[in-house]
Amino acid sequence: MKIINRGFIIVKPKQAFWDWANQFDQEFTFSEDDDCEGSVYLIEEDFMEFEPVLEKNFKKIMKNELAAVADEEDFPEKITFELFSEWFHVDFGSSVFDLEKSDLKSEKTD
């Protein structure tokens, strides 16, 4: 087992996100009750307070979550911290353990 030098943010959609997202796929509709899997975002390991870290990263996180269901032209006109907070549950943690023997791989997406 290896300890990874990162903390993490787990982001899970709230009903407000699903209400927006469901308009893009008529075949499937989701709700907060479906307990869909969240996304994990790695952050600096030694953060003291989570609010400054979230304020620094919420736009990138929200755009990534929106891109999973819609094209950029369909995104809300203004992405604000208030909107992010209305659309997503957020949890933080500082311990990341890798149980696999193979090396981690990463791919730049920006």
C-alpha atoms as a PDB file:
ATOM      1  CA  MET A   1       0.000   0.000   0.000  1.00  0.00           C
ATOM      2  CA  LYS A   2       1.198   3.504  -0.850  1.00  0.00           C
ATOM      3  CA  ILE A   3       0.172   6.836   0.670  1.00  0.00           C
ATOM      4  CA  ILE A   4      -0.546   9.463  -1.996  1.00  0.00           C
ATOM      5  CA  ASN A   5       0.473  13.036  -1.234  1.00  0.00           C
ATOM      6  CA  ARG A   6      -2.962  14.515  -1.939  1.00  0.00           C
ATOM      7  CA  GLY A   7      -6.151  15.349  -0.147  1.00  0.00           C
ATOM      8  CA  PHE A   8      -9.493  14.995  -1.897  1.00  0.00           C
ATOM      9  CA  ILE A   9     -12.868  16.515  -2.568  1.00  0.00           C
ATOM     10  CA  ILE A  10     -15.832  14.221  -3.239  1.00  0.00           C
ATOM     11  CA  VAL A  11     -18.612  15.888  -5.233  1.00  0.00           C
ATOM     12  CA  LYS A  12     -22.102  14.342  -5.472  1.00  0.00           C
ATOM     13  CA  PRO A  13     -25.028  15.875  -7.372  1.00  0.00           C
ATOM     14  CA  LYS A  14     -28.014  17.278  -5.513  1.00  0.00           C
ATOM     15  CA  GLN A  15     -31.530  17.261  -6.966  1.00  0.00           C
ATOM     16  CA  ALA A  16     -31.064  20.733  -8.484  1.00  0.00           C
ATOM     17  CA  PHE A  17     -28.264  19.371 -10.681  1.00  0.00           C
ATOM     18  CA  TRP A  18     -30.363  16.375 -11.759  1.00  0.00           C
ATOM     19  CA  ASP A  19     -33.295  18.661 -12.587  1.00  0.00           C
ATOM     20  CA  TRP A  20     -30.996  20.561 -14.962  1.00  0.00           C
ATOM     21  CA  ALA A  21     -29.184  17.466 -16.321  1.00  0.00           C
ATOM     22  CA  ASN A  22     -32.299  15.399 -17.052  1.00  0.00           C
ATOM     23  CA  GLN A  23     -33.320  17.748 -19.861  1.00  0.00           C
ATOM     24  CA  PHE A  24     -30.398  16.510 -21.989  1.00  0.00           C
ATOM     25  CA  ASP A  25     -31.260  12.816 -22.036  1.00  0.00           C
ATOM     26  CA  GLN A  26     -34.902  11.828 -22.335  1.00  0.00           C
ATOM     27  CA  GLU A  27     -34.070   8.114 -22.077  1.00  0.00           C
ATOM     28  CA  PHE A  28     -32.702   8.276 -18.548  1.00  0.00           C
ATOM     29  CA  THR A  29     -33.764  10.401 -15.633  1.00  0.00           C
ATOM     30  CA  PHE A  30     -31.859  10.563 -12.402  1.00  0.00           C
ATOM     31  CA  SER A  31     -32.607  11.967  -8.992  1.00  0.00           C
ATOM     32  CA  GLU A  32     -30.750  12.528  -5.779  1.00  0.00           C
ATOM     33  CA  ASP A  33     -32.551   9.454  -4.407  1.00  0.00           C
ATOM     34  CA  ASP A  34     -30.672   7.244  -6.903  1.00  0.00           C
ATOM     35  CA  ASP A  35     -27.523   7.673  -4.792  1.00  0.00           C
ATOM     36  CA  CYS A  36     -25.314   8.027  -7.862  1.00  0.00           C
ATOM     37  CA  GLU A  37     -21.585   7.760  -7.437  1.00  0.00           C
ATOM     38  CA  GLY A  38     -19.683  10.969  -6.754  1.00  0.00           C
ATOM     39  CA  SER A  39     -16.519  12.276  -8.384  1.00  0.00           C
ATOM     40  CA  VAL A  40     -13.206  12.510  -6.557  1.00  0.00           C
ATOM     41  CA  TYR A  41     -10.923  15.491  -7.125  1.00  0.00           C
ATOM     42  CA  LEU A  42      -7.409  15.374  -5.718  1.00  0.00           C
ATOM     43  CA  ILE A  43      -6.148  18.525  -4.048  1.00  0.00           C
ATOM     44  CA  GLU A  44      -3.155  19.643  -2.022  1.00  0.00           C
ATOM     45  CA  GLU A  45      -2.433  17.324   0.862  1.00  0.00           C
ATOM     46  CA  ASP A  46      -1.923  19.834   3.654  1.00  0.00           C
ATOM     47  CA  PHE A  47      -4.937  22.104   3.519  1.00  0.00           C
ATOM     48  CA  MET A  48      -5.939  23.708   6.815  1.00  0.00           C
ATOM     49  CA  GLU A  49      -9.397  24.895   5.834  1.00  0.00           C
ATOM     50  CA  PHE A  50     -11.516  23.471   3.063  1.00  0.00           C
ATOM     51  CA  GLU A  51     -13.424  26.642   2.084  1.00  0.00           C
ATOM     52  CA  PRO A  52     -10.444  28.425   0.444  1.00  0.00           C
ATOM     53  CA  VAL A  53      -9.595  25.224  -1.463  1.00  0.00           C
ATOM     54  CA  LEU A  54     -13.182  24.871  -2.674  1.00  0.00           C
ATOM     55  CA  GLU A  55     -13.462  28.553  -3.607  1.00  0.00           C
ATOM     56  CA  LYS A  56     -10.265  28.211  -5.654  1.00  0.00           C
ATOM     57  CA  ASN A  57     -11.482  25.117  -7.531  1.00  0.00           C
ATOM     58  CA  PHE A  58     -15.295  25.122  -7.682  1.00  0.00           C
ATOM     59  CA  LYS A  59     -15.548  26.511 -11.243  1.00  0.00           C
ATOM     60  CA  LYS A  60     -13.224  23.843 -12.681  1.00  0.00           C
ATOM     61  CA  ILE A  61     -15.072  21.138 -10.764  1.00  0.00           C
ATOM     62  CA  MET A  62     -18.510  22.367 -11.802  1.00  0.00           C
ATOM     63  CA  LYS A  63     -17.558  22.689 -15.469  1.00  0.00           C
ATOM     64  CA  ASN A  64     -16.223  19.134 -15.404  1.00  0.00           C
ATOM     65  CA  GLU A  65     -19.424  17.819 -13.814  1.00  0.00           C
ATOM     66  CA  LEU A  66     -21.593  19.734 -16.317  1.00  0.00           C
ATOM     67  CA  ALA A  67     -19.532  18.446 -19.254  1.00  0.00           C
ATOM     68  CA  ALA A  68     -20.463  14.888 -18.293  1.00  0.00           C
ATOM     69  CA  VAL A  69     -24.070  15.550 -19.360  1.00  0.00           C
ATOM     70  CA  ALA A  70     -24.141  18.584 -21.662  1.00  0.00           C
ATOM     71  CA  ASP A  71     -22.219  20.668 -24.159  1.00  0.00           C
ATOM     72  CA  GLU A  72     -20.598  23.889 -22.975  1.00  0.00           C
ATOM     73  CA  GLU A  73     -23.166  26.065 -24.760  1.00  0.00           C
ATOM     74  CA  ASP A  74     -25.838  24.473 -22.539  1.00  0.00           C
ATOM     75  CA  PHE A  75     -24.055  25.314 -19.276  1.00  0.00           C
ATOM     76  CA  PRO A  76     -25.701  27.848 -16.966  1.00  0.00           C
ATOM     77  CA  GLU A  77     -24.845  31.379 -18.031  1.00  0.00           C
ATOM     78  CA  LYS A  78     -23.033  32.216 -14.800  1.00  0.00           C
ATOM     79  CA  ILE A  79     -21.252  29.648 -12.646  1.00  0.00           C
ATOM     80  CA  THR A  80     -21.172  30.970  -9.104  1.00  0.00           C
ATOM     81  CA  PHE A  81     -20.202  29.501  -5.763  1.00  0.00           C
ATOM     82  CA  GLU A  82     -23.840  29.797  -4.706  1.00  0.00           C
ATOM     83  CA  LEU A  83     -25.000  27.770  -7.723  1.00  0.00           C
ATOM     84  CA  PHE A  84     -22.289  25.185  -7.119  1.00  0.00           C
ATOM     85  CA  SER A  85     -23.440  24.863  -3.495  1.00  0.00           C
ATOM     86  CA  GLU A  86     -27.075  24.454  -4.592  1.00  0.00           C
ATOM     87  CA  TRP A  87     -26.181  21.718  -7.101  1.00  0.00           C
ATOM     88  CA  PHE A  88     -23.554  19.623  -5.264  1.00  0.00           C
ATOM     89  CA  HIS A  89     -22.803  17.947  -1.941  1.00  0.00           C
ATOM     90  CA  VAL A  90     -19.129  18.213  -1.027  1.00  0.00           C
ATOM     91  CA  ASP A  91     -16.954  16.164   1.338  1.00  0.00           C
ATOM     92  CA  PHE A  92     -13.243  16.608   2.038  1.00  0.00           C
ATOM     93  CA  GLY A  93     -10.503  14.306   3.243  1.00  0.00           C
ATOM     94  CA  SER A  94      -6.751  14.313   3.593  1.00  0.00           C
ATOM     95  CA  SER A  95      -5.729  10.649   3.476  1.00  0.00           C
ATOM     96  CA  VAL A  96      -5.396   8.908   0.110  1.00  0.00           C
ATOM     97  CA  PHE A  97      -4.125   5.335  -0.002  1.00  0.00           C
ATOM     98  CA  ASP A  98      -3.294   3.374  -3.132  1.00  0.00           C
ATOM     99  CA  LEU A  99      -3.957  -0.347  -2.707  1.00  0.00           C
ATOM    100  CA  GLU A 100      -2.765  -1.271  -6.203  1.00  0.00           C
ATOM    101  CA  LYS A 101       0.769  -2.352  -7.086  1.00  0.00           C
ATOM    102  CA  SER A 102       0.865  -0.688 -10.500  1.00  0.00           C
ATOM    103  CA  ASP A 103       2.006   2.917 -10.869  1.00  0.00           C
ATOM    104  CA  LEU A 104      -0.514   5.727 -10.991  1.00  0.00           C
ATOM    105  CA  LYS A 105      -1.117   7.191 -14.443  1.00  0.00           C
ATOM    106  CA  SER A 106      -2.473  10.634 -15.191  1.00  0.00           C
ATOM    107  CA  GLU A 107      -3.701  12.411 -18.263  1.00  0.00           C
ATOM    108  CA  LYS A 108      -3.979  16.171 -18.664  1.00  0.00           C
ATOM    109  CA  THR A 109      -7.505  17.231 -19.650  1.00  0.00           C
ATOM    110  CA  ASP A 110      -7.282  21.050 -19.647  1.00  0.00           C
END
